[in-house]
Amino acid sequence: YYDAGYYAYVWSDVHAFDLFSRFQANGL
């Protein structure tokens, strides 16, 4: 599942920060 896909942890972390920014702006 993560073969040629370990980058997923980095890529998804970057995008999770971005998504969470809307909760930070509006309330957790």
mmCIF file of all heavy atoms, coordinates in Angstrom:
data_MODEL
# 
_entry.id   MODEL 
# 
loop_
_atom_site.group_PDB 
_atom_site.id 
_atom_site.type_symbol 
_atom_site.label_atom_id 
_atom_site.label_alt_id 
_atom_site.label_comp_id 
_atom_site.label_asym_id 
_atom_site.label_entity_id 
_atom_site.label_seq_id 
_atom_site.pdbx_PDB_ins_code 
_atom_site.Cartn_x 
_atom_site.Cartn_y 
_atom_site.Cartn_z 
_atom_site.occupancy 
_atom_site.B_iso_or_equiv 
_atom_site.pdbx_formal_charge 
_atom_site.auth_seq_id 
_atom_site.auth_comp_id 
_atom_site.auth_asym_id 
_atom_site.auth_atom_id 
_atom_site.pdbx_PDB_model_num 
ATOM 1   N N   . TYR A 1 1  ? 0.809   -1.229 0.000  1.00 0.00 ? 1  TYR A N   1 
ATOM 2   C CA  . TYR A 1 1  ? 0.000   0.000  0.000  1.00 0.00 ? 1  TYR A CA  1 
ATOM 3   C C   . TYR A 1 1  ? 0.837   1.271  0.000  1.00 0.00 ? 1  TYR A C   1 
ATOM 4   O O   . TYR A 1 1  ? 0.484   2.241  -0.640 1.00 0.00 ? 1  TYR A O   1 
ATOM 5   C CB  . TYR A 1 1  ? -0.971  -0.005 1.186  1.00 0.00 ? 1  TYR A CB  1 
ATOM 6   C CG  . TYR A 1 1  ? -2.101  1.004  1.061  1.00 0.00 ? 1  TYR A CG  1 
ATOM 7   C CD1 . TYR A 1 1  ? -2.902  1.030  -0.080 1.00 0.00 ? 1  TYR A CD1 1 
ATOM 8   C CD2 . TYR A 1 1  ? -2.359  1.907  2.070  1.00 0.00 ? 1  TYR A CD2 1 
ATOM 9   C CE1 . TYR A 1 1  ? -3.943  1.947  -0.205 1.00 0.00 ? 1  TYR A CE1 1 
ATOM 10  C CE2 . TYR A 1 1  ? -3.398  2.833  1.964  1.00 0.00 ? 1  TYR A CE2 1 
ATOM 11  C CZ  . TYR A 1 1  ? -4.190  2.846  0.818  1.00 0.00 ? 1  TYR A CZ  1 
ATOM 12  O OH  . TYR A 1 1  ? -5.212  3.748  0.700  1.00 0.00 ? 1  TYR A OH  1 
ATOM 13  N N   . TYR A 1 2  ? 1.965   1.305  0.732  1.00 0.00 ? 2  TYR A N   1 
ATOM 14  C CA  . TYR A 1 2  ? 2.800   2.503  0.760  1.00 0.00 ? 2  TYR A CA  1 
ATOM 15  C C   . TYR A 1 2  ? 4.028   2.364  -0.133 1.00 0.00 ? 2  TYR A C   1 
ATOM 16  O O   . TYR A 1 2  ? 4.901   3.232  -0.111 1.00 0.00 ? 2  TYR A O   1 
ATOM 17  C CB  . TYR A 1 2  ? 3.220   2.830  2.195  1.00 0.00 ? 2  TYR A CB  1 
ATOM 18  C CG  . TYR A 1 2  ? 2.061   3.288  3.034  1.00 0.00 ? 2  TYR A CG  1 
ATOM 19  C CD1 . TYR A 1 2  ? 1.338   2.385  3.810  1.00 0.00 ? 2  TYR A CD1 1 
ATOM 20  C CD2 . TYR A 1 2  ? 1.641   4.609  3.017  1.00 0.00 ? 2  TYR A CD2 1 
ATOM 21  C CE1 . TYR A 1 2  ? 0.252   2.793  4.555  1.00 0.00 ? 2  TYR A CE1 1 
ATOM 22  C CE2 . TYR A 1 2  ? 0.546   5.029  3.760  1.00 0.00 ? 2  TYR A CE2 1 
ATOM 23  C CZ  . TYR A 1 2  ? -0.142  4.113  4.531  1.00 0.00 ? 2  TYR A CZ  1 
ATOM 24  O OH  . TYR A 1 2  ? -1.235  4.519  5.259  1.00 0.00 ? 2  TYR A OH  1 
ATOM 25  N N   . ASP A 1 3  ? 4.122   1.307  -0.925 1.00 0.00 ? 3  ASP A N   1 
ATOM 26  C CA  . ASP A 1 3  ? 5.229   1.165  -1.863 1.00 0.00 ? 3  ASP A CA  1 
ATOM 27  C C   . ASP A 1 3  ? 5.107   2.237  -2.939 1.00 0.00 ? 3  ASP A C   1 
ATOM 28  O O   . ASP A 1 3  ? 4.055   2.396  -3.550 1.00 0.00 ? 3  ASP A O   1 
ATOM 29  C CB  . ASP A 1 3  ? 5.234   -0.235 -2.483 1.00 0.00 ? 3  ASP A CB  1 
ATOM 30  C CG  . ASP A 1 3  ? 3.859   -0.699 -2.935 1.00 0.00 ? 3  ASP A CG  1 
ATOM 31  O OD1 . ASP A 1 3  ? 2.974   -0.843 -2.078 1.00 0.00 ? 3  ASP A OD1 1 
ATOM 32  O OD2 . ASP A 1 3  ? 3.670   -0.893 -4.155 1.00 0.00 ? 3  ASP A OD2 1 
ATOM 33  N N   . ALA A 1 4  ? 6.204   2.972  -3.142 1.00 0.00 ? 4  ALA A N   1 
ATOM 34  C CA  . ALA A 1 4  ? 6.179   4.169  -3.994 1.00 0.00 ? 4  ALA A CA  1 
ATOM 35  C C   . ALA A 1 4  ? 5.069   5.111  -3.535 1.00 0.00 ? 4  ALA A C   1 
ATOM 36  O O   . ALA A 1 4  ? 4.490   5.852  -4.321 1.00 0.00 ? 4  ALA A O   1 
ATOM 37  C CB  . ALA A 1 4  ? 6.006   3.804  -5.466 1.00 0.00 ? 4  ALA A CB  1 
ATOM 38  N N   . GLY A 1 5  ? 4.777   5.073  -2.236 1.00 0.00 ? 5  GLY A N   1 
ATOM 39  C CA  . GLY A 1 5  ? 3.709   5.893  -1.693 1.00 0.00 ? 5  GLY A CA  1 
ATOM 40  C C   . GLY A 1 5  ? 3.971   6.400  -0.293 1.00 0.00 ? 5  GLY A C   1 
ATOM 41  O O   . GLY A 1 5  ? 3.076   6.970  0.337  1.00 0.00 ? 5  GLY A O   1 
ATOM 42  N N   . TYR A 1 6  ? 5.201   6.214  0.212  1.00 0.00 ? 6  TYR A N   1 
ATOM 43  C CA  . TYR A 1 6  ? 5.475   6.706  1.557  1.00 0.00 ? 6  TYR A CA  1 
ATOM 44  C C   . TYR A 1 6  ? 5.413   8.235  1.596  1.00 0.00 ? 6  TYR A C   1 
ATOM 45  O O   . TYR A 1 6  ? 5.179   8.823  2.652  1.00 0.00 ? 6  TYR A O   1 
ATOM 46  C CB  . TYR A 1 6  ? 6.834   6.213  2.056  1.00 0.00 ? 6  TYR A CB  1 
ATOM 47  C CG  . TYR A 1 6  ? 7.041   6.471  3.532  1.00 0.00 ? 6  TYR A CG  1 
ATOM 48  C CD1 . TYR A 1 6  ? 6.436   5.657  4.490  1.00 0.00 ? 6  TYR A CD1 1 
ATOM 49  C CD2 . TYR A 1 6  ? 7.809   7.543  3.972  1.00 0.00 ? 6  TYR A CD2 1 
ATOM 50  C CE1 . TYR A 1 6  ? 6.592   5.900  5.841  1.00 0.00 ? 6  TYR A CE1 1 
ATOM 51  C CE2 . TYR A 1 6  ? 7.973   7.797  5.332  1.00 0.00 ? 6  TYR A CE2 1 
ATOM 52  C CZ  . TYR A 1 6  ? 7.361   6.972  6.256  1.00 0.00 ? 6  TYR A CZ  1 
ATOM 53  O OH  . TYR A 1 6  ? 7.515   7.232  7.603  1.00 0.00 ? 6  TYR A OH  1 
ATOM 54  N N   . TYR A 1 7  ? 5.607   8.858  0.441  1.00 0.00 ? 7  TYR A N   1 
ATOM 55  C CA  . TYR A 1 7  ? 5.473   10.315 0.365  1.00 0.00 ? 7  TYR A CA  1 
ATOM 56  C C   . TYR A 1 7  ? 4.117   10.763 0.903  1.00 0.00 ? 7  TYR A C   1 
ATOM 57  O O   . TYR A 1 7  ? 3.929   11.944 1.265  1.00 0.00 ? 7  TYR A O   1 
ATOM 58  C CB  . TYR A 1 7  ? 5.619   10.792 -1.093 1.00 0.00 ? 7  TYR A CB  1 
ATOM 59  C CG  . TYR A 1 7  ? 4.370   10.575 -1.907 1.00 0.00 ? 7  TYR A CG  1 
ATOM 60  C CD1 . TYR A 1 7  ? 3.363   11.525 -1.933 1.00 0.00 ? 7  TYR A CD1 1 
ATOM 61  C CD2 . TYR A 1 7  ? 4.170   9.386  -2.614 1.00 0.00 ? 7  TYR A CD2 1 
ATOM 62  C CE1 . TYR A 1 7  ? 2.194   11.321 -2.648 1.00 0.00 ? 7  TYR A CE1 1 
ATOM 63  C CE2 . TYR A 1 7  ? 3.019   9.172  -3.324 1.00 0.00 ? 7  TYR A CE2 1 
ATOM 64  C CZ  . TYR A 1 7  ? 2.018   10.141 -3.343 1.00 0.00 ? 7  TYR A CZ  1 
ATOM 65  O OH  . TYR A 1 7  ? 0.866   9.918  -4.031 1.00 0.00 ? 7  TYR A OH  1 
ATOM 66  N N   . ALA A 1 8  ? 3.154   9.824  0.966  1.00 0.00 ? 8  ALA A N   1 
ATOM 67  C CA  . ALA A 1 8  ? 1.800   10.161 1.405  1.00 0.00 ? 8  ALA A CA  1 
ATOM 68  C C   . ALA A 1 8  ? 1.797   10.820 2.775  1.00 0.00 ? 8  ALA A C   1 
ATOM 69  O O   . ALA A 1 8  ? 0.984   11.719 3.037  1.00 0.00 ? 8  ALA A O   1 
ATOM 70  C CB  . ALA A 1 8  ? 0.936   8.899  1.433  1.00 0.00 ? 8  ALA A CB  1 
ATOM 71  N N   . TYR A 1 9  ? 2.694   10.391 3.657  1.00 0.00 ? 9  TYR A N   1 
ATOM 72  C CA  . TYR A 1 9  ? 2.708   10.961 5.000  1.00 0.00 ? 9  TYR A CA  1 
ATOM 73  C C   . TYR A 1 9  ? 3.124   12.436 4.973  1.00 0.00 ? 9  TYR A C   1 
ATOM 74  O O   . TYR A 1 9  ? 2.651   13.237 5.785  1.00 0.00 ? 9  TYR A O   1 
ATOM 75  C CB  . TYR A 1 9  ? 3.629   10.155 5.910  1.00 0.00 ? 9  TYR A CB  1 
ATOM 76  C CG  . TYR A 1 9  ? 3.017   8.843  6.327  1.00 0.00 ? 9  TYR A CG  1 
ATOM 77  C CD1 . TYR A 1 9  ? 3.393   7.645  5.723  1.00 0.00 ? 9  TYR A CD1 1 
ATOM 78  C CD2 . TYR A 1 9  ? 2.037   8.796  7.307  1.00 0.00 ? 9  TYR A CD2 1 
ATOM 79  C CE1 . TYR A 1 9  ? 2.817   6.450  6.093  1.00 0.00 ? 9  TYR A CE1 1 
ATOM 80  C CE2 . TYR A 1 9  ? 1.447   7.603  7.683  1.00 0.00 ? 9  TYR A CE2 1 
ATOM 81  C CZ  . TYR A 1 9  ? 1.840   6.423  7.076  1.00 0.00 ? 9  TYR A CZ  1 
ATOM 82  O OH  . TYR A 1 9  ? 1.252   5.245  7.437  1.00 0.00 ? 9  TYR A OH  1 
ATOM 83  N N   . VAL A 1 10 ? 4.023   12.786 4.077  1.00 0.00 ? 10 VAL A N   1 
ATOM 84  C CA  . VAL A 1 10 ? 4.468   14.180 3.955  1.00 0.00 ? 10 VAL A CA  1 
ATOM 85  C C   . VAL A 1 10 ? 3.408   15.003 3.222  1.00 0.00 ? 10 VAL A C   1 
ATOM 86  O O   . VAL A 1 10 ? 2.980   16.071 3.683  1.00 0.00 ? 10 VAL A O   1 
ATOM 87  C CB  . VAL A 1 10 ? 5.819   14.253 3.226  1.00 0.00 ? 10 VAL A CB  1 
ATOM 88  C CG1 . VAL A 1 10 ? 6.297   15.693 3.139  1.00 0.00 ? 10 VAL A CG1 1 
ATOM 89  C CG2 . VAL A 1 10 ? 6.858   13.376 3.907  1.00 0.00 ? 10 VAL A CG2 1 
ATOM 90  N N   . TRP A 1 11 ? 2.988   14.510 2.080  1.00 0.00 ? 11 TRP A N   1 
ATOM 91  C CA  . TRP A 1 11 ? 2.005   15.220 1.243  1.00 0.00 ? 11 TRP A CA  1 
ATOM 92  C C   . TRP A 1 11 ? 0.707   15.439 2.016  1.00 0.00 ? 11 TRP A C   1 
ATOM 93  O O   . TRP A 1 11 ? 0.135   16.538 2.002  1.00 0.00 ? 11 TRP A O   1 
ATOM 94  C CB  . TRP A 1 11 ? 1.755   14.395 -0.016 1.00 0.00 ? 11 TRP A CB  1 
ATOM 95  C CG  . TRP A 1 11 ? 0.930   15.048 -1.075 1.00 0.00 ? 11 TRP A CG  1 
ATOM 96  C CD1 . TRP A 1 11 ? 1.372   15.836 -2.108 1.00 0.00 ? 11 TRP A CD1 1 
ATOM 97  C CD2 . TRP A 1 11 ? -0.499  14.969 -1.232 1.00 0.00 ? 11 TRP A CD2 1 
ATOM 98  N NE1 . TRP A 1 11 ? 0.314   16.237 -2.883 1.00 0.00 ? 11 TRP A NE1 1 
ATOM 99  C CE2 . TRP A 1 11 ? -0.840  15.730 -2.378 1.00 0.00 ? 11 TRP A CE2 1 
ATOM 100 C CE3 . TRP A 1 11 ? -1.505  14.333 -0.515 1.00 0.00 ? 11 TRP A CE3 1 
ATOM 101 C CZ2 . TRP A 1 11 ? -2.154  15.849 -2.820 1.00 0.00 ? 11 TRP A CZ2 1 
ATOM 102 C CZ3 . TRP A 1 11 ? -2.829  14.463 -0.946 1.00 0.00 ? 11 TRP A CZ3 1 
ATOM 103 C CH2 . TRP A 1 11 ? -3.140  15.208 -2.091 1.00 0.00 ? 11 TRP A CH2 1 
ATOM 104 N N   . SER A 1 12 ? 0.250   14.400 2.706  1.00 0.00 ? 12 SER A N   1 
ATOM 105 C CA  . SER A 1 12 ? -1.013  14.518 3.442  1.00 0.00 ? 12 SER A CA  1 
ATOM 106 C C   . SER A 1 12 ? -0.878  15.450 4.639  1.00 0.00 ? 12 SER A C   1 
ATOM 107 O O   . SER A 1 12 ? -1.832  16.153 4.995  1.00 0.00 ? 12 SER A O   1 
ATOM 108 C CB  . SER A 1 12 ? -1.484  13.136 3.903  1.00 0.00 ? 12 SER A CB  1 
ATOM 109 O OG  . SER A 1 12 ? -0.551  12.551 4.791  1.00 0.00 ? 12 SER A OG  1 
ATOM 110 N N   . ASP A 1 13 ? 0.298   15.475 5.259  1.00 0.00 ? 13 ASP A N   1 
ATOM 111 C CA  . ASP A 1 13 ? 0.502   16.372 6.392  1.00 0.00 ? 13 ASP A CA  1 
ATOM 112 C C   . ASP A 1 13 ? 0.428   17.830 5.937  1.00 0.00 ? 13 ASP A C   1 
ATOM 113 O O   . ASP A 1 13 ? -0.208  18.675 6.593  1.00 0.00 ? 13 ASP A O   1 
ATOM 114 C CB  . ASP A 1 13 ? 1.859   16.091 7.041  1.00 0.00 ? 13 ASP A CB  1 
ATOM 115 C CG  . ASP A 1 13 ? 1.892   16.495 8.506  1.00 0.00 ? 13 ASP A CG  1 
ATOM 116 O OD1 . ASP A 1 13 ? 0.821   16.600 9.127  1.00 0.00 ? 13 ASP A OD1 1 
ATOM 117 O OD2 . ASP A 1 13 ? 2.998   16.691 9.037  1.00 0.00 ? 13 ASP A OD2 1 
ATOM 118 N N   . VAL A 1 14 ? 1.056   18.129 4.832  1.00 0.00 ? 14 VAL A N   1 
ATOM 119 C CA  . VAL A 1 14 ? 0.997   19.490 4.284  1.00 0.00 ? 14 VAL A CA  1 
ATOM 120 C C   . VAL A 1 14 ? -0.456  19.902 4.045  1.00 0.00 ? 14 VAL A C   1 
ATOM 121 O O   . VAL A 1 14 ? -0.881  21.010 4.413  1.00 0.00 ? 14 VAL A O   1 
ATOM 122 C CB  . VAL A 1 14 ? 1.811   19.581 2.976  1.00 0.00 ? 14 VAL A CB  1 
ATOM 123 C CG1 . VAL A 1 14 ? 1.531   20.891 2.244  1.00 0.00 ? 14 VAL A CG1 1 
ATOM 124 C CG2 . VAL A 1 14 ? 3.309   19.439 3.263  1.00 0.00 ? 14 VAL A CG2 1 
ATOM 125 N N   . HIS A 1 15 ? -1.243  19.011 3.453  1.00 0.00 ? 15 HIS A N   1 
ATOM 126 C CA  . HIS A 1 15 ? -2.626  19.353 3.129  1.00 0.00 ? 15 HIS A CA  1 
ATOM 127 C C   . HIS A 1 15 ? -3.529  19.327 4.361  1.00 0.00 ? 15 HIS A C   1 
ATOM 128 O O   . HIS A 1 15 ? -4.530  20.057 4.406  1.00 0.00 ? 15 HIS A O   1 
ATOM 129 C CB  . HIS A 1 15 ? -3.146  18.423 2.035  1.00 0.00 ? 15 HIS A CB  1 
ATOM 130 C CG  . HIS A 1 15 ? -2.522  18.693 0.698  1.00 0.00 ? 15 HIS A CG  1 
ATOM 131 N ND1 . HIS A 1 15 ? -1.322  18.144 0.321  1.00 0.00 ? 15 HIS A ND1 1 
ATOM 132 C CD2 . HIS A 1 15 ? -2.908  19.491 -0.329 1.00 0.00 ? 15 HIS A CD2 1 
ATOM 133 C CE1 . HIS A 1 15 ? -0.999  18.576 -0.888 1.00 0.00 ? 15 HIS A CE1 1 
ATOM 134 N NE2 . HIS A 1 15 ? -1.934  19.391 -1.301 1.00 0.00 ? 15 HIS A NE2 1 
ATOM 135 N N   . ALA A 1 16 ? -3.176  18.518 5.361  1.00 0.00 ? 16 ALA A N   1 
ATOM 136 C CA  . ALA A 1 16 ? -3.953  18.521 6.607  1.00 0.00 ? 16 ALA A CA  1 
ATOM 137 C C   . ALA A 1 16 ? -3.827  19.869 7.317  1.00 0.00 ? 16 ALA A C   1 
ATOM 138 O O   . ALA A 1 16 ? -4.813  20.401 7.850  1.00 0.00 ? 16 ALA A O   1 
ATOM 139 C CB  . ALA A 1 16 ? -3.481  17.396 7.525  1.00 0.00 ? 16 ALA A CB  1 
ATOM 140 N N   . PHE A 1 17 ? -2.622  20.444 7.341  1.00 0.00 ? 17 PHE A N   1 
ATOM 141 C CA  . PHE A 1 17 ? -2.436  21.773 7.903  1.00 0.00 ? 17 PHE A CA  1 
ATOM 142 C C   . PHE A 1 17 ? -3.328  22.788 7.189  1.00 0.00 ? 17 PHE A C   1 
ATOM 143 O O   . PHE A 1 17 ? -3.938  23.660 7.819  1.00 0.00 ? 17 PHE A O   1 
ATOM 144 C CB  . PHE A 1 17 ? -0.971  22.209 7.774  1.00 0.00 ? 17 PHE A CB  1 
ATOM 145 C CG  . PHE A 1 17 ? -0.091  21.797 8.920  1.00 0.00 ? 17 PHE A CG  1 
ATOM 146 C CD1 . PHE A 1 17 ? 0.505   20.551 8.940  1.00 0.00 ? 17 PHE A CD1 1 
ATOM 147 C CD2 . PHE A 1 17 ? 0.142   22.662 9.974  1.00 0.00 ? 17 PHE A CD2 1 
ATOM 148 C CE1 . PHE A 1 17 ? 1.328   20.162 9.980  1.00 0.00 ? 17 PHE A CE1 1 
ATOM 149 C CE2 . PHE A 1 17 ? 0.965   22.289 11.029 1.00 0.00 ? 17 PHE A CE2 1 
ATOM 150 C CZ  . PHE A 1 17 ? 1.561   21.028 11.040 1.00 0.00 ? 17 PHE A CZ  1 
ATOM 151 N N   . ASP A 1 18 ? -3.396  22.668 5.869  1.00 0.00 ? 18 ASP A N   1 
ATOM 152 C CA  . ASP A 1 18 ? -4.190  23.604 5.075  1.00 0.00 ? 18 ASP A CA  1 
ATOM 153 C C   . ASP A 1 18 ? -5.675  23.470 5.415  1.00 0.00 ? 18 ASP A C   1 
ATOM 154 O O   . ASP A 1 18 ? -6.368  24.468 5.651  1.00 0.00 ? 18 ASP A O   1 
ATOM 155 C CB  . ASP A 1 18 ? -3.944  23.334 3.593  1.00 0.00 ? 18 ASP A CB  1 
ATOM 156 C CG  . ASP A 1 18 ? -4.375  24.490 2.696  1.00 0.00 ? 18 ASP A CG  1 
ATOM 157 O OD1 . ASP A 1 18 ? -4.556  25.605 3.212  1.00 0.00 ? 18 ASP A OD1 1 
ATOM 158 O OD2 . ASP A 1 18 ? -4.506  24.283 1.477  1.00 0.00 ? 18 ASP A OD2 1 
ATOM 159 N N   . LEU A 1 19 ? -6.187  22.241 5.482  1.00 0.00 ? 19 LEU A N   1 
ATOM 160 C CA  . LEU A 1 19 ? -7.593  22.023 5.812  1.00 0.00 ? 19 LEU A CA  1 
ATOM 161 C C   . LEU A 1 19 ? -7.896  22.502 7.228  1.00 0.00 ? 19 LEU A C   1 
ATOM 162 O O   . LEU A 1 19 ? -8.942  23.117 7.479  1.00 0.00 ? 19 LEU A O   1 
ATOM 163 C CB  . LEU A 1 19 ? -7.944  20.538 5.678  1.00 0.00 ? 19 LEU A CB  1 
ATOM 164 C CG  . LEU A 1 19 ? -7.843  19.926 4.277  1.00 0.00 ? 19 LEU A CG  1 
ATOM 165 C CD1 . LEU A 1 19 ? -8.130  18.436 4.337  1.00 0.00 ? 19 LEU A CD1 1 
ATOM 166 C CD2 . LEU A 1 19 ? -8.785  20.605 3.299  1.00 0.00 ? 19 LEU A CD2 1 
ATOM 167 N N   . PHE A 1 20 ? -6.984  22.247 8.146  1.00 0.00 ? 20 PHE A N   1 
ATOM 168 C CA  . PHE A 1 20 ? -7.219  22.612 9.545  1.00 0.00 ? 20 PHE A CA  1 
ATOM 169 C C   . PHE A 1 20 ? -7.256  24.124 9.729  1.00 0.00 ? 20 PHE A C   1 
ATOM 170 O O   . PHE A 1 20 ? -7.889  24.630 10.667 1.00 0.00 ? 20 PHE A O   1 
ATOM 171 C CB  . PHE A 1 20 ? -6.128  21.995 10.422 1.00 0.00 ? 20 PHE A CB  1 
ATOM 172 C CG  . PHE A 1 20 ? -6.406  22.086 11.898 1.00 0.00 ? 20 PHE A CG  1 
ATOM 173 C CD1 . PHE A 1 20 ? -7.486  21.416 12.454 1.00 0.00 ? 20 PHE A CD1 1 
ATOM 174 C CD2 . PHE A 1 20 ? -5.587  22.838 12.729 1.00 0.00 ? 20 PHE A CD2 1 
ATOM 175 C CE1 . PHE A 1 20 ? -7.749  21.488 13.825 1.00 0.00 ? 20 PHE A CE1 1 
ATOM 176 C CE2 . PHE A 1 20 ? -5.836  22.925 14.089 1.00 0.00 ? 20 PHE A CE2 1 
ATOM 177 C CZ  . PHE A 1 20 ? -6.917  22.246 14.644 1.00 0.00 ? 20 PHE A CZ  1 
ATOM 178 N N   . SER A 1 21 ? -6.611  24.842 8.822  1.00 0.00 ? 21 SER A N   1 
ATOM 179 C CA  . SER A 1 21 ? -6.590  26.301 8.944  1.00 0.00 ? 21 SER A CA  1 
ATOM 180 C C   . SER A 1 21 ? -8.005  26.876 8.919  1.00 0.00 ? 21 SER A C   1 
ATOM 181 O O   . SER A 1 21 ? -8.272  27.916 9.530  1.00 0.00 ? 21 SER A O   1 
ATOM 182 C CB  . SER A 1 21 ? -5.740  26.929 7.830  1.00 0.00 ? 21 SER A CB  1 
ATOM 183 O OG  . SER A 1 21 ? -6.334  26.733 6.549  1.00 0.00 ? 21 SER A OG  1 
ATOM 184 N N   . ARG A 1 22 ? -8.932  26.201 8.243  1.00 0.00 ? 22 ARG A N   1 
ATOM 185 C CA  . ARG A 1 22 ? -10.311 26.706 8.219  1.00 0.00 ? 22 ARG A CA  1 
ATOM 186 C C   . ARG A 1 22 ? -10.974 26.500 9.579  1.00 0.00 ? 22 ARG A C   1 
ATOM 187 O O   . ARG A 1 22 ? -11.752 27.349 10.024 1.00 0.00 ? 22 ARG A O   1 
ATOM 188 C CB  . ARG A 1 22 ? -11.110 26.007 7.114  1.00 0.00 ? 22 ARG A CB  1 
ATOM 189 C CG  . ARG A 1 22 ? -12.533 26.524 7.012  1.00 0.00 ? 22 ARG A CG  1 
ATOM 190 C CD  . ARG A 1 22 ? -13.262 26.101 5.762  1.00 0.00 ? 22 ARG A CD  1 
ATOM 191 N NE  . ARG A 1 22 ? -14.672 26.471 5.846  1.00 0.00 ? 22 ARG A NE  1 
ATOM 192 C CZ  . ARG A 1 22 ? -15.587 26.169 4.942  1.00 0.00 ? 22 ARG A CZ  1 
ATOM 193 N NH1 . ARG A 1 22 ? -15.229 25.530 3.840  1.00 0.00 ? 22 ARG A NH1 1 
ATOM 194 N NH2 . ARG A 1 22 ? -16.845 26.521 5.111  1.00 0.00 ? 22 ARG A NH2 1 
ATOM 195 N N   . PHE A 1 23 ? -10.656 25.393 10.268 1.00 0.00 ? 23 PHE A N   1 
ATOM 196 C CA  . PHE A 1 23 ? -11.172 25.203 11.628 1.00 0.00 ? 23 PHE A CA  1 
ATOM 197 C C   . PHE A 1 23 ? -10.553 26.228 12.576 1.00 0.00 ? 23 PHE A C   1 
ATOM 198 O O   . PHE A 1 23 ? -11.232 26.751 13.466 1.00 0.00 ? 23 PHE A O   1 
ATOM 199 C CB  . PHE A 1 23 ? -10.871 23.783 12.116 1.00 0.00 ? 23 PHE A CB  1 
ATOM 200 C CG  . PHE A 1 23 ? -11.772 22.736 11.537 1.00 0.00 ? 23 PHE A CG  1 
ATOM 201 C CD1 . PHE A 1 23 ? -11.377 21.985 10.449 1.00 0.00 ? 23 PHE A CD1 1 
ATOM 202 C CD2 . PHE A 1 23 ? -13.031 22.502 12.080 1.00 0.00 ? 23 PHE A CD2 1 
ATOM 203 C CE1 . PHE A 1 23 ? -12.205 21.016 9.902  1.00 0.00 ? 23 PHE A CE1 1 
ATOM 204 C CE2 . PHE A 1 23 ? -13.869 21.540 11.546 1.00 0.00 ? 23 PHE A CE2 1 
ATOM 205 C CZ  . PHE A 1 23 ? -13.458 20.797 10.458 1.00 0.00 ? 23 PHE A CZ  1 
ATOM 206 N N   . GLN A 1 24 ? -9.261  26.511 12.399 1.00 0.00 ? 24 GLN A N   1 
ATOM 207 C CA  . GLN A 1 24 ? -8.625  27.517 13.247 1.00 0.00 ? 24 GLN A CA  1 
ATOM 208 C C   . GLN A 1 24 ? -9.273  28.881 13.074 1.00 0.00 ? 24 GLN A C   1 
ATOM 209 O O   . GLN A 1 24 ? -9.404  29.644 14.032 1.00 0.00 ? 24 GLN A O   1 
ATOM 210 C CB  . GLN A 1 24 ? -7.136  27.603 12.916 1.00 0.00 ? 24 GLN A CB  1 
ATOM 211 C CG  . GLN A 1 24 ? -6.335  26.375 13.358 1.00 0.00 ? 24 GLN A CG  1 
ATOM 212 C CD  . GLN A 1 24 ? -4.894  26.440 12.914 1.00 0.00 ? 24 GLN A CD  1 
ATOM 213 O OE1 . GLN A 1 24 ? -4.614  26.595 11.721 1.00 0.00 ? 24 GLN A OE1 1 
ATOM 214 N NE2 . GLN A 1 24 ? -3.969  26.328 13.865 1.00 0.00 ? 24 GLN A NE2 1 
ATOM 215 N N   . ALA A 1 25 ? -9.690  29.171 11.859 1.00 0.00 ? 25 ALA A N   1 
ATOM 216 C CA  . ALA A 1 25 ? -10.320 30.467 11.594 1.00 0.00 ? 25 ALA A CA  1 
ATOM 217 C C   . ALA A 1 25 ? -11.745 30.537 12.132 1.00 0.00 ? 25 ALA A C   1 
ATOM 218 O O   . ALA A 1 25 ? -12.186 31.584 12.633 1.00 0.00 ? 25 ALA A O   1 
ATOM 219 C CB  . ALA A 1 25 ? -10.309 30.743 10.092 1.00 0.00 ? 25 ALA A CB  1 
ATOM 220 N N   . ASN A 1 26 ? -12.477 29.412 12.079 1.00 0.00 ? 26 ASN A N   1 
ATOM 221 C CA  . ASN A 1 26 ? -13.905 29.424 12.408 1.00 0.00 ? 26 ASN A CA  1 
ATOM 222 C C   . ASN A 1 26 ? -14.236 28.830 13.768 1.00 0.00 ? 26 ASN A C   1 
ATOM 223 O O   . ASN A 1 26 ? -15.367 28.966 14.244 1.00 0.00 ? 26 ASN A O   1 
ATOM 224 C CB  . ASN A 1 26 ? -14.699 28.666 11.340 1.00 0.00 ? 26 ASN A CB  1 
ATOM 225 C CG  . ASN A 1 26 ? -14.570 29.283 9.969  1.00 0.00 ? 26 ASN A CG  1 
ATOM 226 O OD1 . ASN A 1 26 ? -14.294 30.475 9.844  1.00 0.00 ? 26 ASN A OD1 1 
ATOM 227 N ND2 . ASN A 1 26 ? -14.757 28.489 8.931  1.00 0.00 ? 26 ASN A ND2 1 
ATOM 228 N N   . GLY A 1 27 ? -13.272 28.142 14.381 1.00 0.00 ? 27 GLY A N   1 
ATOM 229 C CA  . GLY A 1 27 ? -13.533 27.455 15.651 1.00 0.00 ? 27 GLY A CA  1 
ATOM 230 C C   . GLY A 1 27 ? -13.300 25.968 15.497 1.00 0.00 ? 27 GLY A C   1 
ATOM 231 O O   . GLY A 1 27 ? -13.784 25.354 14.533 1.00 0.00 ? 27 GLY A O   1 
ATOM 232 N N   . LEU A 1 28 ? -12.571 25.378 16.461 1.00 0.00 ? 28 LEU A N   1 
ATOM 233 C CA  . LEU A 1 28 ? -12.164 23.978 16.309 1.00 0.00 ? 28 LEU A CA  1 
ATOM 234 C C   . LEU A 1 28 ? -13.333 23.009 16.349 1.00 0.00 ? 28 LEU A C   1 
ATOM 235 O O   . LEU A 1 28 ? -13.202 21.869 15.901 1.00 0.00 ? 28 LEU A O   1 
ATOM 236 C CB  . LEU A 1 28 ? -11.157 23.601 17.406 1.00 0.00 ? 28 LEU A CB  1 
ATOM 237 C CG  . LEU A 1 28 ? -9.829  24.363 17.419 1.00 0.00 ? 28 LEU A CG  1 
ATOM 238 C CD1 . LEU A 1 28 ? -8.844  23.666 18.348 1.00 0.00 ? 28 LEU A CD1 1 
ATOM 239 C CD2 . LEU A 1 28 ? -9.237  24.478 16.015 1.00 0.00 ? 28 LEU A CD2 1 
# 
